[in-house]
Protein backbone atom coordinates (compact mmCIF):
# COMPACT_ATOMS: atom_id res chain seq x y z
CA MET A 1 0.00 0.00 0.00
CA LYS A 2 1.35 3.42 -0.99
CA THR A 3 1.10 6.10 1.68
CA LEU A 4 1.65 9.85 1.49
CA TYR A 5 2.47 11.23 4.94
CA LEU A 6 1.60 14.90 5.13
CA HIS A 7 3.35 16.44 8.13
CA ILE A 8 1.53 19.64 9.09
CA GLY A 9 3.49 21.26 11.84
CA THR A 10 2.06 24.30 13.52
CA PRO A 11 4.53 27.14 14.06
CA LYS A 12 7.05 26.69 16.90
CA THR A 13 6.42 22.96 17.41
CA GLY A 14 9.70 21.57 16.07
CA THR A 15 8.71 21.24 12.42
CA THR A 16 12.08 22.56 11.24
CA SER A 17 13.86 19.94 13.36
CA ILE A 18 11.77 17.18 11.79
CA GLN A 19 12.47 18.54 8.31
CA SER A 20 16.20 18.70 9.05
CA PHE A 21 16.17 15.15 10.39
CA CYS A 22 14.38 13.85 7.29
CA THR A 23 16.75 15.73 4.98
CA GLU A 24 19.89 14.55 6.78
CA ASN A 25 18.66 10.96 6.99
CA ARG A 26 17.25 10.38 3.50
CA ALA A 27 19.43 7.30 2.97
CA VAL A 28 18.28 5.70 6.24
CA LEU A 29 14.65 6.54 5.50
CA ASN A 30 15.02 5.00 2.02
CA LYS A 31 16.41 1.83 3.58
CA TYR A 32 13.13 1.42 5.46
CA GLY A 33 10.86 2.25 2.53
CA PHE A 34 10.37 5.98 3.12
CA ASP A 35 11.33 8.95 1.00
CA TYR A 36 11.54 12.62 1.86
CA PRO A 37 11.76 14.00 -1.67
CA LYS A 38 13.59 17.11 -2.68
CA PHE A 39 11.55 19.10 -5.16
CA PRO A 40 13.16 21.46 -7.71
CA TYR A 41 11.41 24.56 -6.38
CA GLU A 42 13.18 27.30 -4.48
CA TYR A 43 11.39 30.05 -2.66
CA PRO A 44 13.06 33.24 -1.42
CA ARG A 45 13.82 33.49 2.29
CA THR A 46 12.57 29.97 3.10
CA ASN A 47 14.26 26.88 4.45
CA PRO A 48 14.93 24.55 1.48
CA GLU A 49 14.20 21.54 3.71
CA ARG A 50 10.50 22.46 3.68
CA ASN A 51 9.59 20.07 0.88
CA GLY A 52 5.82 20.61 1.17
CA LEU A 53 5.91 24.32 0.53
CA PHE A 54 4.67 23.77 -3.05
CA LEU A 55 1.20 23.09 -1.58
CA SER A 56 0.78 26.55 -0.11
CA MET A 57 3.22 28.92 -1.79
CA TYR A 58 2.01 31.73 -4.00
CA SER A 59 3.43 32.37 -7.47
CA PHE A 60 3.43 35.78 -9.10
CA LYS A 61 3.73 37.07 -12.64
CA GLU A 62 6.27 39.72 -13.54
CA ASP A 63 3.57 42.39 -13.23
CA GLY A 64 3.00 41.38 -9.59
CA THR A 65 -0.37 39.67 -10.06
CA ARG A 66 -0.92 36.21 -8.71
CA ASP A 67 -0.13 33.42 -11.16
CA TYR A 68 -2.73 30.76 -10.41
CA LYS A 69 -1.80 28.80 -13.52
CA ARG A 70 1.85 28.48 -12.45
CA GLU A 71 0.78 27.50 -8.92
CA ALA A 72 -1.32 24.67 -10.37
CA GLU A 73 1.56 23.59 -12.63
CA ILE A 74 3.98 23.44 -9.70
CA VAL A 75 1.54 21.34 -7.67
CA GLU A 76 1.00 18.96 -10.58
CA GLU A 77 4.75 18.67 -11.22
CA ALA A 78 5.39 17.90 -7.55
CA PHE A 79 2.67 15.26 -7.45
CA ASP A 80 4.07 13.75 -10.67
CA GLN A 81 7.38 13.43 -8.82
CA ILE A 82 5.59 11.86 -5.85
CA ARG A 83 3.86 9.36 -8.16
CA GLU A 84 7.25 8.51 -9.72
CA THR A 85 8.70 8.02 -6.24
CA PHE A 86 5.89 5.59 -5.42
CA ALA A 87 7.22 3.35 -8.20
CA THR A 88 10.24 2.54 -6.03
CA CYS A 89 9.13 3.50 -2.53
CA ASP A 90 5.95 2.77 -0.57
CA ASN A 91 5.99 5.81 1.72
CA VAL A 92 6.51 9.47 0.89
CA ILE A 93 6.83 12.21 3.51
CA VAL A 94 5.92 15.83 2.72
CA SER A 95 6.32 18.49 5.40
CA ASP A 96 5.63 22.18 5.75
CA GLU A 97 4.37 24.39 8.55
CA SER A 98 2.53 26.77 6.24
CA ILE A 99 0.07 23.99 5.36
CA TRP A 100 -1.47 24.41 8.80
CA ASN A 101 -1.92 28.16 8.44
CA ARG A 102 -2.87 28.43 4.79
CA GLY A 103 -4.88 25.23 4.86
CA ILE A 104 -7.71 27.08 6.57
CA ARG A 105 -7.76 29.90 4.01
CA GLU A 106 -9.83 29.66 0.89
CA ASP A 107 -7.26 31.43 -1.31
CA VAL A 108 -4.95 28.39 -1.27
CA PRO A 109 -6.87 25.16 -2.01
CA ILE A 110 -4.44 22.83 -0.22
CA TRP A 111 -6.90 20.09 0.64
CA GLU A 112 -8.31 20.01 -2.89
CA ARG A 113 -4.77 19.78 -4.24
CA VAL A 114 -3.95 16.82 -2.01
CA ALA A 115 -7.27 15.07 -2.70
CA ASP A 116 -6.83 15.38 -6.47
């Protein structure tokens, strides 16, 4: 059975420590059938170990308006990578603390993204 673990850490509860642990121990996690994937997205002023940030991050066009199309593309690309990972690994871990905060807002459809 393939399982996607979505770690939703609220602010100041050790989420960064868990993300650091998963990043530093990818090889050990892989040995036990888990993967903490690194996605090819970089966001300014954010910890690169937050691999679930693609679920809640905004994208903007050059004119400063929100780029909903690019946001959807990034989410789809990330889930394509997750699906590819499932071909060789049964468990995938995705973690980000902003999921908790933005997950209750309607302007970022996190739960719909995950369900799809």
